[in-house]
């Protein structure tokens, strides 16, 4: 923390790949970079959140994209970047959890 009691901001990452998975109580989002050869992908970070907060994030991102498109025009998405390519579905296909976490995808705690 600095002298004002603020924690330093984490480093920003550039990502061009996202995989999404879920189970009844959590959403898993994995972020990474796909190489120019499209054959390699490197996982850089992952996020686990509640379904309610996933819904809030979806709404916030949707609003930001709408404002962006009003200002700069429609965003063109190449067919190779279709949302279906990044959606993992149920937790069986979710990104791996960090070692030592309470639950693993597809398993319930307790």
PDB file of N, CA and C in Angstrom:
ATOM      1  N   UNK A   1       0.842  -1.183   0.000  1.00  0.00           N
ATOM      2  CA  UNK A   1       0.000   0.000   0.000  1.00  0.00           C
ATOM      3  C   UNK A   1       0.884   1.241   0.000  1.00  0.00           C
ATOM      4  N   UNK A   2       0.352   2.303  -0.578  1.00  0.00           N
ATOM      5  CA  UNK A   2       1.097   3.561  -0.563  1.00  0.00           C
ATOM      6  C   UNK A   2       0.752   4.348   0.696  1.00  0.00           C
ATOM      7  N   UNK A   3       1.292   5.561   0.804  1.00  0.00           N
ATOM      8  CA  UNK A   3       1.080   6.353   2.020  1.00  0.00           C
ATOM      9  C   UNK A   3      -0.376   6.759   2.225  1.00  0.00           C
ATOM     10  N   UNK A   4      -1.211   6.675   1.179  1.00  0.00           N
ATOM     11  CA  UNK A   4      -2.631   7.005   1.298  1.00  0.00           C
ATOM     12  C   UNK A   4      -3.483   5.780   1.622  1.00  0.00           C
ATOM     13  N   UNK A   5      -2.834   4.631   1.783  1.00  0.00           N
ATOM     14  CA  UNK A   5      -3.558   3.409   2.098  1.00  0.00           C
ATOM     15  C   UNK A   5      -4.140   2.703   0.887  1.00  0.00           C
ATOM     16  N   UNK A   6      -3.739   3.126  -0.306  1.00  0.00           N
ATOM     17  CA  UNK A   6      -4.246   2.502  -1.531  1.00  0.00           C
ATOM     18  C   UNK A   6      -3.304   1.396  -1.990  1.00  0.00           C
ATOM     19  N   UNK A   7      -3.882   0.296  -2.412  1.00  0.00           N
ATOM     20  CA  UNK A   7      -3.081  -0.792  -2.965  1.00  0.00           C
ATOM     21  C   UNK A   7      -2.704  -0.439  -4.400  1.00  0.00           C
ATOM     22  N   UNK A   8      -1.525  -0.849  -4.847  1.00  0.00           N
ATOM     23  CA  UNK A   8      -1.158  -0.576  -6.243  1.00  0.00           C
ATOM     24  C   UNK A   8      -2.079  -1.348  -7.194  1.00  0.00           C
ATOM     25  N   UNK A   9      -2.318  -0.769  -8.352  1.00  0.00           N
ATOM     26  CA  UNK A   9      -3.149  -1.442  -9.341  1.00  0.00           C
ATOM     27  C   UNK A   9      -2.391  -2.612  -9.951  1.00  0.00           C
ATOM     28  N   UNK A  10      -3.076  -3.721 -10.227  1.00  0.00           N
ATOM     29  CA  UNK A  10      -2.397  -4.839 -10.886  1.00  0.00           C
ATOM     30  C   UNK A  10      -2.045  -4.459 -12.323  1.00  0.00           C
ATOM     31  N   UNK A  11      -1.093  -5.158 -12.884  1.00  0.00           N
ATOM     32  CA  UNK A  11      -0.689  -4.902 -14.264  1.00  0.00           C
ATOM     33  C   UNK A  11      -1.841  -5.216 -15.213  1.00  0.00           C
ATOM     34  N   UNK A  12      -1.975  -4.423 -16.253  1.00  0.00           N
ATOM     35  CA  UNK A  12      -2.978  -4.688 -17.282  1.00  0.00           C
ATOM     36  C   UNK A  12      -2.448  -5.744 -18.240  1.00  0.00           C
ATOM     37  N   UNK A  13      -3.338  -6.559 -18.761  1.00  0.00           N
ATOM     38  CA  UNK A  13      -2.972  -7.612 -19.699  1.00  0.00           C
ATOM     39  C   UNK A  13      -3.746  -7.414 -20.989  1.00  0.00           C
ATOM     40  N   UNK A  14      -3.103  -7.663 -22.127  1.00  0.00           N
ATOM     41  CA  UNK A  14      -3.808  -7.698 -23.404  1.00  0.00           C
ATOM     42  C   UNK A  14      -4.245  -9.136 -23.633  1.00  0.00           C
ATOM     43  N   UNK A  15      -5.527  -9.337 -23.893  1.00  0.00           N
ATOM     44  CA  UNK A  15      -6.034 -10.676 -24.181  1.00  0.00           C
ATOM     45  C   UNK A  15      -6.819 -10.653 -25.486  1.00  0.00           C
ATOM     46  N   UNK A  16      -6.734 -11.741 -26.231  1.00  0.00           N
ATOM     47  CA  UNK A  16      -7.526 -11.876 -27.450  1.00  0.00           C
ATOM     48  C   UNK A  16      -8.239 -13.228 -27.479  1.00  0.00           C
ATOM     49  N   UNK A  17      -8.349 -13.833 -26.299  1.00  0.00           N
ATOM     50  CA  UNK A  17      -9.000 -15.135 -26.169  1.00  0.00           C
ATOM     51  C   UNK A  17      -9.672 -15.205 -24.803  1.00  0.00           C
ATOM     52  N   UNK A  18     -10.899 -15.730 -24.788  1.00  0.00           N
ATOM     53  CA  UNK A  18     -11.598 -15.926 -23.522  1.00  0.00           C
ATOM     54  C   UNK A  18     -12.370 -17.229 -23.603  1.00  0.00           C
ATOM     55  N   UNK A  19     -12.348 -17.973 -22.532  1.00  0.00           N
ATOM     56  CA  UNK A  19     -13.132 -19.208 -22.432  1.00  0.00           C
ATOM     57  C   UNK A  19     -14.023 -19.061 -21.204  1.00  0.00           C
ATOM     58  N   UNK A  20     -15.272 -19.480 -21.324  1.00  0.00           N
ATOM     59  CA  UNK A  20     -16.252 -19.331 -20.247  1.00  0.00           C
ATOM     60  C   UNK A  20     -16.811 -20.692 -19.883  1.00  0.00           C
ATOM     61  N   UNK A  21     -16.898 -20.962 -18.599  1.00  0.00           N
ATOM     62  CA  UNK A  21     -17.533 -22.170 -18.096  1.00  0.00           C
ATOM     63  C   UNK A  21     -18.379 -21.818 -16.886  1.00  0.00           C
ATOM     64  N   UNK A  22     -19.191 -22.742 -16.440  1.00  0.00           N
ATOM     65  CA  UNK A  22     -20.040 -22.466 -15.288  1.00  0.00           C
ATOM     66  C   UNK A  22     -20.466 -23.759 -14.612  1.00  0.00           C
ATOM     67  N   UNK A  23     -20.889 -23.604 -13.384  1.00  0.00           N
ATOM     68  CA  UNK A  23     -21.595 -24.652 -12.647  1.00  0.00           C
ATOM     69  C   UNK A  23     -22.684 -23.929 -11.871  1.00  0.00           C
ATOM     70  N   UNK A  24     -23.412 -24.594 -11.023  1.00  0.00           N
ATOM     71  CA  UNK A  24     -24.591 -23.980 -10.403  1.00  0.00           C
ATOM     72  C   UNK A  24     -24.273 -22.736  -9.574  1.00  0.00           C
ATOM     73  N   UNK A  25     -23.098 -22.657  -8.985  1.00  0.00           N
ATOM     74  CA  UNK A  25     -22.816 -21.536  -8.084  1.00  0.00           C
ATOM     75  C   UNK A  25     -21.711 -20.599  -8.561  1.00  0.00           C
ATOM     76  N   UNK A  26     -21.072 -20.891  -9.703  1.00  0.00           N
ATOM     77  CA  UNK A  26     -19.939 -20.080 -10.133  1.00  0.00           C
ATOM     78  C   UNK A  26     -19.831 -20.014 -11.647  1.00  0.00           C
ATOM     79  N   UNK A  27     -19.278 -18.907 -12.118  1.00  0.00           N
ATOM     80  CA  UNK A  27     -18.845 -18.771 -13.505  1.00  0.00           C
ATOM     81  C   UNK A  27     -17.333 -18.723 -13.513  1.00  0.00           C
ATOM     82  N   UNK A  28     -16.722 -19.351 -14.518  1.00  0.00           N
ATOM     83  CA  UNK A  28     -15.273 -19.380 -14.677  1.00  0.00           C
ATOM     84  C   UNK A  28     -14.933 -18.669 -15.984  1.00  0.00           C
ATOM     85  N   UNK A  29     -14.086 -17.667 -15.927  1.00  0.00           N
ATOM     86  CA  UNK A  29     -13.648 -16.957 -17.125  1.00  0.00           C
ATOM     87  C   UNK A  29     -12.135 -17.065 -17.189  1.00  0.00           C
ATOM     88  N   UNK A  30     -11.624 -17.589 -18.286  1.00  0.00           N
ATOM     89  CA  UNK A  30     -10.182 -17.713 -18.483  1.00  0.00           C
ATOM     90  C   UNK A  30      -9.798 -16.785 -19.630  1.00  0.00           C
ATOM     91  N   UNK A  31      -8.739 -16.016 -19.435  1.00  0.00           N
ATOM     92  CA  UNK A  31      -8.296 -15.035 -20.414  1.00  0.00           C
ATOM     93  C   UNK A  31      -6.880 -15.370 -20.879  1.00  0.00           C
ATOM     94  N   UNK A  32      -6.636 -15.209 -22.160  1.00  0.00           N
ATOM     95  CA  UNK A  32      -5.313 -15.518 -22.664  1.00  0.00           C
ATOM     96  C   UNK A  32      -5.030 -14.853 -23.991  1.00  0.00           C
ATOM     97  N   UNK A  33      -3.925 -15.274 -24.577  1.00  0.00           N
ATOM     98  CA  UNK A  33      -3.501 -14.777 -25.883  1.00  0.00           C
ATOM     99  C   UNK A  33      -3.346 -15.957 -26.832  1.00  0.00           C
ATOM    100  N   UNK A  34      -3.906 -15.804 -28.018  1.00  0.00           N
ATOM    101  CA  UNK A  34      -3.741 -16.790 -29.077  1.00  0.00           C
ATOM    102  C   UNK A  34      -2.636 -16.276 -29.982  1.00  0.00           C
ATOM    103  N   UNK A  35      -1.697 -17.165 -30.324  1.00  0.00           N
ATOM    104  CA  UNK A  35      -0.594 -16.784 -31.188  1.00  0.00           C
ATOM    105  C   UNK A  35      -1.040 -16.527 -32.610  1.00  0.00           C
ATOM    106  N   UNK A  36      -0.170 -15.892 -33.387  1.00  0.00           N
ATOM    107  CA  UNK A  36      -0.496 -15.594 -34.786  1.00  0.00           C
ATOM    108  C   UNK A  36      -0.760 -16.858 -35.592  1.00  0.00           C
ATOM    109  N   UNK A  37      -0.145 -17.961 -35.183  1.00  0.00           N
ATOM    110  CA  UNK A  37      -0.370 -19.221 -35.899  1.00  0.00           C
ATOM    111  C   UNK A  37      -1.728 -19.841 -35.584  1.00  0.00           C
ATOM    112  N   UNK A  38      -2.448 -19.270 -34.625  1.00  0.00           N
ATOM    113  CA  UNK A  38      -3.756 -19.744 -34.170  1.00  0.00           C
ATOM    114  C   UNK A  38      -3.712 -21.156 -33.604  1.00  0.00           C
ATOM    115  N   UNK A  39      -2.518 -21.727 -33.477  1.00  0.00           N
ATOM    116  CA  UNK A  39      -2.388 -23.086 -32.948  1.00  0.00           C
ATOM    117  C   UNK A  39      -2.001 -23.075 -31.477  1.00  0.00           C
ATOM    118  N   UNK A  40      -1.539 -21.940 -30.972  1.00  0.00           N
ATOM    119  CA  UNK A  40      -1.112 -21.868 -29.583  1.00  0.00           C
ATOM    120  C   UNK A  40      -1.910 -20.810 -28.839  1.00  0.00           C
ATOM    121  N   UNK A  41      -2.236 -21.120 -27.610  1.00  0.00           N
ATOM    122  CA  UNK A  41      -2.918 -20.164 -26.740  1.00  0.00           C
ATOM    123  C   UNK A  41      -2.248 -20.243 -25.376  1.00  0.00           C
ATOM    124  N   UNK A  42      -2.063 -19.091 -24.757  1.00  0.00           N
ATOM    125  CA  UNK A  42      -1.427 -19.019 -23.446  1.00  0.00           C
ATOM    126  C   UNK A  42      -2.405 -18.417 -22.459  1.00  0.00           C
ATOM    127  N   UNK A  43      -2.751 -19.170 -21.414  1.00  0.00           N
ATOM    128  CA  UNK A  43      -3.628 -18.679 -20.365  1.00  0.00           C
ATOM    129  C   UNK A  43      -2.857 -17.660 -19.530  1.00  0.00           C
ATOM    130  N   UNK A  44      -3.417 -16.464 -19.377  1.00  0.00           N
ATOM    131  CA  UNK A  44      -2.757 -15.402 -18.622  1.00  0.00           C
ATOM    132  C   UNK A  44      -3.399 -15.157 -17.273  1.00  0.00           C
ATOM    133  N   UNK A  45      -4.714 -15.322 -17.202  1.00  0.00           N
ATOM    134  CA  UNK A  45      -5.411 -15.037 -15.955  1.00  0.00           C
ATOM    135  C   UNK A  45      -6.769 -15.722 -15.990  1.00  0.00           C
ATOM    136  N   UNK A  46      -7.334 -15.943 -14.821  1.00  0.00           N
ATOM    137  CA  UNK A  46      -8.683 -16.489 -14.761  1.00  0.00           C
ATOM    138  C   UNK A  46      -9.448 -15.783 -13.653  1.00  0.00           C
ATOM    139  N   UNK A  47     -10.757 -15.851 -13.755  1.00  0.00           N
ATOM    140  CA  UNK A  47     -11.645 -15.178 -12.828  1.00  0.00           C
ATOM    141  C   UNK A  47     -12.767 -16.135 -12.481  1.00  0.00           C
ATOM    142  N   UNK A  48     -13.129 -16.206 -11.229  1.00  0.00           N
ATOM    143  CA  UNK A  48     -14.267 -17.000 -10.781  1.00  0.00           C
ATOM    144  C   UNK A  48     -15.203 -16.035 -10.072  1.00  0.00           C
ATOM    145  N   UNK A  49     -16.491 -16.072 -10.442  1.00  0.00           N
ATOM    146  CA  UNK A  49     -17.447 -15.150  -9.849  1.00  0.00           C
ATOM    147  C   UNK A  49     -18.814 -15.812  -9.715  1.00  0.00           C
ATOM    148  N   UNK A  50     -19.706 -15.156  -9.027  1.00  0.00           N
ATOM    149  CA  UNK A  50     -21.059 -15.679  -8.839  1.00  0.00           C
ATOM    150  C   UNK A  50     -21.893 -15.450 -10.096  1.00  0.00           C
ATOM    151  N   UNK A  51     -22.957 -16.240 -10.282  1.00  0.00           N
ATOM    152  CA  UNK A  51     -23.843 -15.993 -11.419  1.00  0.00           C
ATOM    153  C   UNK A  51     -24.428 -14.569 -11.400  1.00  0.00           C
ATOM    154  N   UNK A  52     -24.780 -14.064 -10.236  1.00  0.00           N
ATOM    155  CA  UNK A  52     -25.337 -12.706 -10.163  1.00  0.00           C
ATOM    156  C   UNK A  52     -24.324 -11.668 -10.626  1.00  0.00           C
ATOM    157  N   UNK A  53     -23.083 -11.804 -10.194  1.00  0.00           N
ATOM    158  CA  UNK A  53     -22.084 -10.820 -10.611  1.00  0.00           C
ATOM    159  C   UNK A  53     -21.742 -11.003 -12.089  1.00  0.00           C
ATOM    160  N   UNK A  54     -21.790 -12.215 -12.605  1.00  0.00           N
ATOM    161  CA  UNK A  54     -21.578 -12.432 -14.039  1.00  0.00           C
ATOM    162  C   UNK A  54     -22.630 -11.664 -14.831  1.00  0.00           C
ATOM    163  N   UNK A  55     -23.873 -11.677 -14.362  1.00  0.00           N
ATOM    164  CA  UNK A  55     -24.960 -10.938 -15.019  1.00  0.00           C
ATOM    165  C   UNK A  55     -24.688  -9.439 -14.975  1.00  0.00           C
ATOM    166  N   UNK A  56     -24.216  -8.922 -13.839  1.00  0.00           N
ATOM    167  CA  UNK A  56     -23.883  -7.494 -13.708  1.00  0.00           C
ATOM    168  C   UNK A  56     -22.748  -7.126 -14.662  1.00  0.00           C
ATOM    169  N   UNK A  57     -21.711  -7.983 -14.755  1.00  0.00           N
ATOM    170  CA  UNK A  57     -20.594  -7.713 -15.658  1.00  0.00           C
ATOM    171  C   UNK A  57     -21.069  -7.719 -17.108  1.00  0.00           C
ATOM    172  N   UNK A  58     -21.949  -8.652 -17.474  1.00  0.00           N
ATOM    173  CA  UNK A  58     -22.490  -8.719 -18.823  1.00  0.00           C
ATOM    174  C   UNK A  58     -23.219  -7.421 -19.169  1.00  0.00           C
ATOM    175  N   UNK A  59     -24.044  -6.926 -18.252  1.00  0.00           N
ATOM    176  CA  UNK A  59     -24.785  -5.682 -18.497  1.00  0.00           C
ATOM    177  C   UNK A  59     -23.823  -4.495 -18.629  1.00  0.00           C
ATOM    178  N   UNK A  60     -22.812  -4.420 -17.771  1.00  0.00           N
ATOM    179  CA  UNK A  60     -21.860  -3.310 -17.826  1.00  0.00           C
ATOM    180  C   UNK A  60     -21.075  -3.335 -19.134  1.00  0.00           C
ATOM    181  N   UNK A  61     -20.635  -4.501 -19.562  1.00  0.00           N
ATOM    182  CA  UNK A  61     -19.897  -4.610 -20.812  1.00  0.00           C
ATOM    183  C   UNK A  61     -20.799  -4.280 -21.998  1.00  0.00           C
ATOM    184  N   UNK A  62     -22.035  -4.755 -21.970  1.00  0.00           N
ATOM    185  CA  UNK A  62     -22.982  -4.442 -23.041  1.00  0.00           C
ATOM    186  C   UNK A  62     -23.227  -2.948 -23.171  1.00  0.00           C
ATOM    187  N   UNK A  63     -23.370  -2.255 -22.040  1.00  0.00           N
ATOM    188  CA  UNK A  63     -23.557  -0.804 -22.064  1.00  0.00           C
ATOM    189  C   UNK A  63     -22.323  -0.100 -22.612  1.00  0.00           C
ATOM    190  N   UNK A  64     -21.135  -0.549 -22.224  1.00  0.00           N
ATOM    191  CA  UNK A  64     -19.894   0.067 -22.703  1.00  0.00           C
ATOM    192  C   UNK A  64     -19.728  -0.140 -24.206  1.00  0.00           C
ATOM    193  N   UNK A  65     -20.049  -1.336 -24.703  1.00  0.00           N
ATOM    194  CA  UNK A  65     -19.944  -1.607 -26.137  1.00  0.00           C
ATOM    195  C   UNK A  65     -20.946  -0.737 -26.899  1.00  0.00           C
ATOM    196  N   UNK A  66     -22.158  -0.581 -26.395  1.00  0.00           N
ATOM    197  CA  UNK A  66     -23.162   0.256 -27.061  1.00  0.00           C
ATOM    198  C   UNK A  66     -22.686   1.705 -27.149  1.00  0.00           C
ATOM    199  N   UNK A  67     -22.116   2.224 -26.058  1.00  0.00           N
ATOM    200  CA  UNK A  67     -21.592   3.602 -26.084  1.00  0.00           C
ATOM    201  C   UNK A  67     -20.430   3.722 -27.062  1.00  0.00           C
ATOM    202  N   UNK A  68     -19.537   2.737 -27.071  1.00  0.00           N
ATOM    203  CA  UNK A  68     -18.410   2.730 -27.997  1.00  0.00           C
ATOM    204  C   UNK A  68     -18.916   2.790 -29.441  1.00  0.00           C
ATOM    205  N   UNK A  69     -19.907   1.938 -29.761  1.00  0.00           N
ATOM    206  CA  UNK A  69     -20.418   1.893 -31.133  1.00  0.00           C
ATOM    207  C   UNK A  69     -21.144   3.175 -31.515  1.00  0.00           C
ATOM    208  N   UNK A  70     -21.771   3.843 -30.571  1.00  0.00           N
ATOM    209  CA  UNK A  70     -22.382   5.140 -30.862  1.00  0.00           C
ATOM    210  C   UNK A  70     -21.311   6.158 -31.237  1.00  0.00           C
ATOM    211  N   UNK A  71     -20.183   6.092 -30.575  1.00  0.00           N
ATOM    212  CA  UNK A  71     -19.118   7.055 -30.811  1.00  0.00           C
ATOM    213  C   UNK A  71     -18.263   6.709 -32.026  1.00  0.00           C
ATOM    214  N   UNK A  72     -17.931   5.419 -32.212  1.00  0.00           N
ATOM    215  CA  UNK A  72     -16.962   5.025 -33.235  1.00  0.00           C
ATOM    216  C   UNK A  72     -17.535   4.181 -34.371  1.00  0.00           C
ATOM    217  N   UNK A  73     -18.764   3.745 -34.272  1.00  0.00           N
ATOM    218  CA  UNK A  73     -19.361   2.894 -35.294  1.00  0.00           C
ATOM    219  C   UNK A  73     -19.377   1.439 -34.860  1.00  0.00           C
ATOM    220  N   UNK A  74     -20.121   0.646 -35.629  1.00  0.00           N
ATOM    221  CA  UNK A  74     -20.305  -0.765 -35.288  1.00  0.00           C
ATOM    222  C   UNK A  74     -18.984  -1.526 -35.297  1.00  0.00           C
ATOM    223  N   UNK A  75     -18.831  -2.387 -34.323  1.00  0.00           N
ATOM    224  CA  UNK A  75     -17.648  -3.240 -34.223  1.00  0.00           C
ATOM    225  C   UNK A  75     -17.886  -4.457 -35.114  1.00  0.00           C
ATOM    226  N   UNK A  76     -16.968  -4.688 -36.048  1.00  0.00           N
ATOM    227  CA  UNK A  76     -17.064  -5.861 -36.901  1.00  0.00           C
ATOM    228  C   UNK A  76     -16.298  -7.005 -36.258  1.00  0.00           C
ATOM    229  N   UNK A  77     -16.965  -8.142 -36.105  1.00  0.00           N
ATOM    230  CA  UNK A  77     -16.357  -9.311 -35.476  1.00  0.00           C
ATOM    231  C   UNK A  77     -16.133 -10.366 -36.550  1.00  0.00           C
ATOM    232  N   UNK A  78     -14.879 -10.790 -36.751  1.00  0.00           N
ATOM    233  CA  UNK A  78     -14.628 -11.838 -37.747  1.00  0.00           C
ATOM    234  C   UNK A  78     -15.297 -13.142 -37.340  1.00  0.00           C
ATOM    235  N   UNK A  79     -15.689 -13.941 -38.325  1.00  0.00           N
ATOM    236  CA  UNK A  79     -16.360 -15.216 -38.055  1.00  0.00           C
ATOM    237  C   UNK A  79     -15.513 -16.119 -37.179  1.00  0.00           C
ATOM    238  N   UNK A  80     -14.185 -16.030 -37.288  1.00  0.00           N
ATOM    239  CA  UNK A  80     -13.302 -16.877 -36.479  1.00  0.00           C
ATOM    240  C   UNK A  80     -13.345 -16.511 -35.002  1.00  0.00           C
ATOM    241  N   UNK A  81     -13.927 -15.365 -34.674  1.00  0.00           N
ATOM    242  CA  UNK A  81     -14.010 -14.931 -33.279  1.00  0.00           C
ATOM    243  C   UNK A  81     -15.427 -15.065 -32.740  1.00  0.00           C
ATOM    244  N   UNK A  82     -16.203 -15.987 -33.272  1.00  0.00           N
ATOM    245  CA  UNK A  82     -17.588 -16.148 -32.847  1.00  0.00           C
ATOM    246  C   UNK A  82     -17.658 -16.539 -31.378  1.00  0.00           C
ATOM    247  N   UNK A  83     -18.695 -16.071 -30.669  1.00  0.00           N
ATOM    248  CA  UNK A  83     -18.827 -16.408 -29.251  1.00  0.00           C
ATOM    249  C   UNK A  83     -18.870 -17.903 -28.984  1.00  0.00           C
ATOM    250  N   UNK A  84     -19.421 -18.686 -29.889  1.00  0.00           N
ATOM    251  CA  UNK A  84     -19.486 -20.127 -29.694  1.00  0.00           C
ATOM    252  C   UNK A  84     -18.119 -20.771 -29.573  1.00  0.00           C
ATOM    253  N   UNK A  85     -17.117 -20.175 -30.180  1.00  0.00           N
ATOM    254  CA  UNK A  85     -15.764 -20.721 -30.106  1.00  0.00           C
ATOM    255  C   UNK A  85     -15.161 -20.555 -28.724  1.00  0.00           C
ATOM    256  N   UNK A  86     -15.705 -19.622 -27.928  1.00  0.00           N
ATOM    257  CA  UNK A  86     -15.132 -19.353 -26.617  1.00  0.00           C
ATOM    258  C   UNK A  86     -15.998 -19.868 -25.476  1.00  0.00           C
ATOM    259  N   UNK A  87     -17.182 -20.366 -25.753  1.00  0.00           N
ATOM    260  CA  UNK A  87     -18.081 -20.797 -24.693  1.00  0.00           C
ATOM    261  C   UNK A  87     -17.824 -22.260 -24.348  1.00  0.00           C
ATOM    262  N   UNK A  88     -17.487 -22.504 -23.111  1.00  0.00           N
ATOM    263  CA  UNK A  88     -17.164 -23.864 -22.696  1.00  0.00           C
ATOM    264  C   UNK A  88     -18.375 -24.633 -22.207  1.00  0.00           C
ATOM    265  N   UNK A  89     -19.422 -23.932 -21.787  1.00  0.00           N
ATOM    266  CA  UNK A  89     -20.607 -24.616 -21.290  1.00  0.00           C
ATOM    267  C   UNK A  89     -20.453 -25.046 -19.845  1.00  0.00           C
ATOM    268  N   UNK A  90     -21.082 -26.145 -19.461  1.00  0.00           N
ATOM    269  CA  UNK A  90     -21.046 -26.584 -18.067  1.00  0.00           C
ATOM    270  C   UNK A  90     -19.630 -26.817 -17.560  1.00  0.00           C
ATOM    271  N   UNK A  91     -19.519 -26.897 -16.276  1.00  0.00           N
ATOM    272  CA  UNK A  91     -18.215 -26.920 -15.612  1.00  0.00           C
ATOM    273  C   UNK A  91     -17.297 -28.039 -16.058  1.00  0.00           C
ATOM    274  N   UNK A  92     -17.809 -29.084 -16.633  1.00  0.00           N
ATOM    275  CA  UNK A  92     -16.937 -30.142 -17.119  1.00  0.00           C
ATOM    276  C   UNK A  92     -15.932 -29.642 -18.140  1.00  0.00           C
ATOM    277  N   UNK A  93     -16.262 -28.563 -18.828  1.00  0.00           N
ATOM    278  CA  UNK A  93     -15.367 -27.996 -19.829  1.00  0.00           C
ATOM    279  C   UNK A  93     -14.800 -26.662 -19.365  1.00  0.00           C
ATOM    280  N   UNK A  94     -14.993 -26.330 -18.102  1.00  0.00           N
ATOM    281  CA  UNK A  94     -14.532 -25.040 -17.585  1.00  0.00           C
ATOM    282  C   UNK A  94     -13.020 -25.006 -17.463  1.00  0.00           C
ATOM    283  N   UNK A  95     -12.459 -23.802 -17.435  1.00  0.00           N
ATOM    284  CA  UNK A  95     -11.019 -23.692 -17.244  1.00  0.00           C
ATOM    285  C   UNK A  95     -10.612 -24.254 -15.893  1.00  0.00           C
ATOM    286  N   UNK A  96      -9.392 -24.695 -15.753  1.00  0.00           N
ATOM    287  CA  UNK A  96      -8.956 -25.270 -14.480  1.00  0.00           C
ATOM    288  C   UNK A  96      -8.921 -24.233 -13.382  1.00  0.00           C
ATOM    289  N   UNK A  97      -9.183 -24.689 -12.160  1.00  0.00           N
ATOM    290  CA  UNK A  97      -9.098 -23.817 -10.992  1.00  0.00           C
ATOM    291  C   UNK A  97      -7.651 -23.738 -10.554  1.00  0.00           C
ATOM    292  N   UNK A  98      -7.340 -22.716  -9.800  1.00  0.00           N
ATOM    293  CA  UNK A  98      -5.998 -22.557  -9.253  1.00  0.00           C
ATOM    294  C   UNK A  98      -5.732 -23.667  -8.237  1.00  0.00           C
ATOM    295  N   UNK A  99      -4.485 -24.156  -8.158  1.00  0.00           N
ATOM    296  CA  UNK A  99      -4.160 -25.164  -7.145  1.00  0.00           C
ATOM    297  C   UNK A  99      -4.508 -24.650  -5.748  1.00  0.00           C
ATOM    298  N   UNK A 100      -5.065 -25.510  -4.940  1.00  0.00           N
ATOM    299  CA  UNK A 100      -5.394 -25.137  -3.567  1.00  0.00           C
ATOM    300  C   UNK A 100      -6.749 -24.483  -3.416  1.00  0.00           C
ATOM    301  N   UNK A 101      -7.510 -24.320  -4.515  1.00  0.00           N
ATOM    302  CA  UNK A 101      -8.821 -23.702  -4.388  1.00  0.00           C
ATOM    303  C   UNK A 101      -9.769 -24.685  -3.711  1.00  0.00           C
ATOM    304  N   UNK A 102     -10.895 -24.175  -3.202  1.00  0.00           N
ATOM    305  CA  UNK A 102     -11.823 -24.994  -2.434  1.00  0.00           C
ATOM    306  C   UNK A 102     -12.506 -26.063  -3.264  1.00  0.00           C
ATOM    307  N   UNK A 103     -12.863 -25.756  -4.500  1.00  0.00           N
ATOM    308  CA  UNK A 103     -13.563 -26.742  -5.327  1.00  0.00           C
ATOM    309  C   UNK A 103     -12.895 -26.811  -6.689  1.00  0.00           C
ATOM    310  N   UNK A 104     -13.132 -27.881  -7.370  1.00  0.00           N
ATOM    311  CA  UNK A 104     -12.677 -28.044  -8.747  1.00  0.00           C
ATOM    312  C   UNK A 104     -13.937 -28.006  -9.626  1.00  0.00           C
ATOM    313  N   UNK A 105     -13.818 -27.594 -10.897  1.00  0.00           N
ATOM    314  CA  UNK A 105     -14.985 -27.589 -11.756  1.00  0.00           C
ATOM    315  C   UNK A 105     -15.666 -28.948 -11.755  1.00  0.00           C
ATOM    316  N   UNK A 106     -17.004 -28.907 -11.642  1.00  0.00           N
ATOM    317  CA  UNK A 106     -17.772 -30.133 -11.655  1.00  0.00           C
ATOM    318  C   UNK A 106     -17.917 -30.784 -10.296  1.00  0.00           C
ATOM    319  N   UNK A 107     -17.234 -30.252  -9.280  1.00  0.00           N
ATOM    320  CA  UNK A 107     -17.344 -30.792  -7.920  1.00  0.00           C
ATOM    321  C   UNK A 107     -17.907 -29.740  -7.000  1.00  0.00           C
ATOM    322  N   UNK A 108     -18.570 -30.175  -5.964  1.00  0.00           N
ATOM    323  CA  UNK A 108     -19.125 -29.238  -4.990  1.00  0.00           C
ATOM    324  C   UNK A 108     -18.301 -29.305  -3.719  1.00  0.00           C
ATOM    325  N   UNK A 109     -18.171 -28.154  -3.085  1.00  0.00           N
ATOM    326  CA  UNK A 109     -17.441 -28.108  -1.807  1.00  0.00           C
ATOM    327  C   UNK A 109     -18.257 -28.822  -0.735  1.00  0.00           C
ATOM    328  N   UNK A 110     -17.560 -29.395   0.248  1.00  0.00           N
ATOM    329  CA  UNK A 110     -18.230 -29.939   1.407  1.00  0.00           C
ATOM    330  C   UNK A 110     -18.554 -31.336   1.243  1.00  0.00           C
TER     331      UNK A 110
END
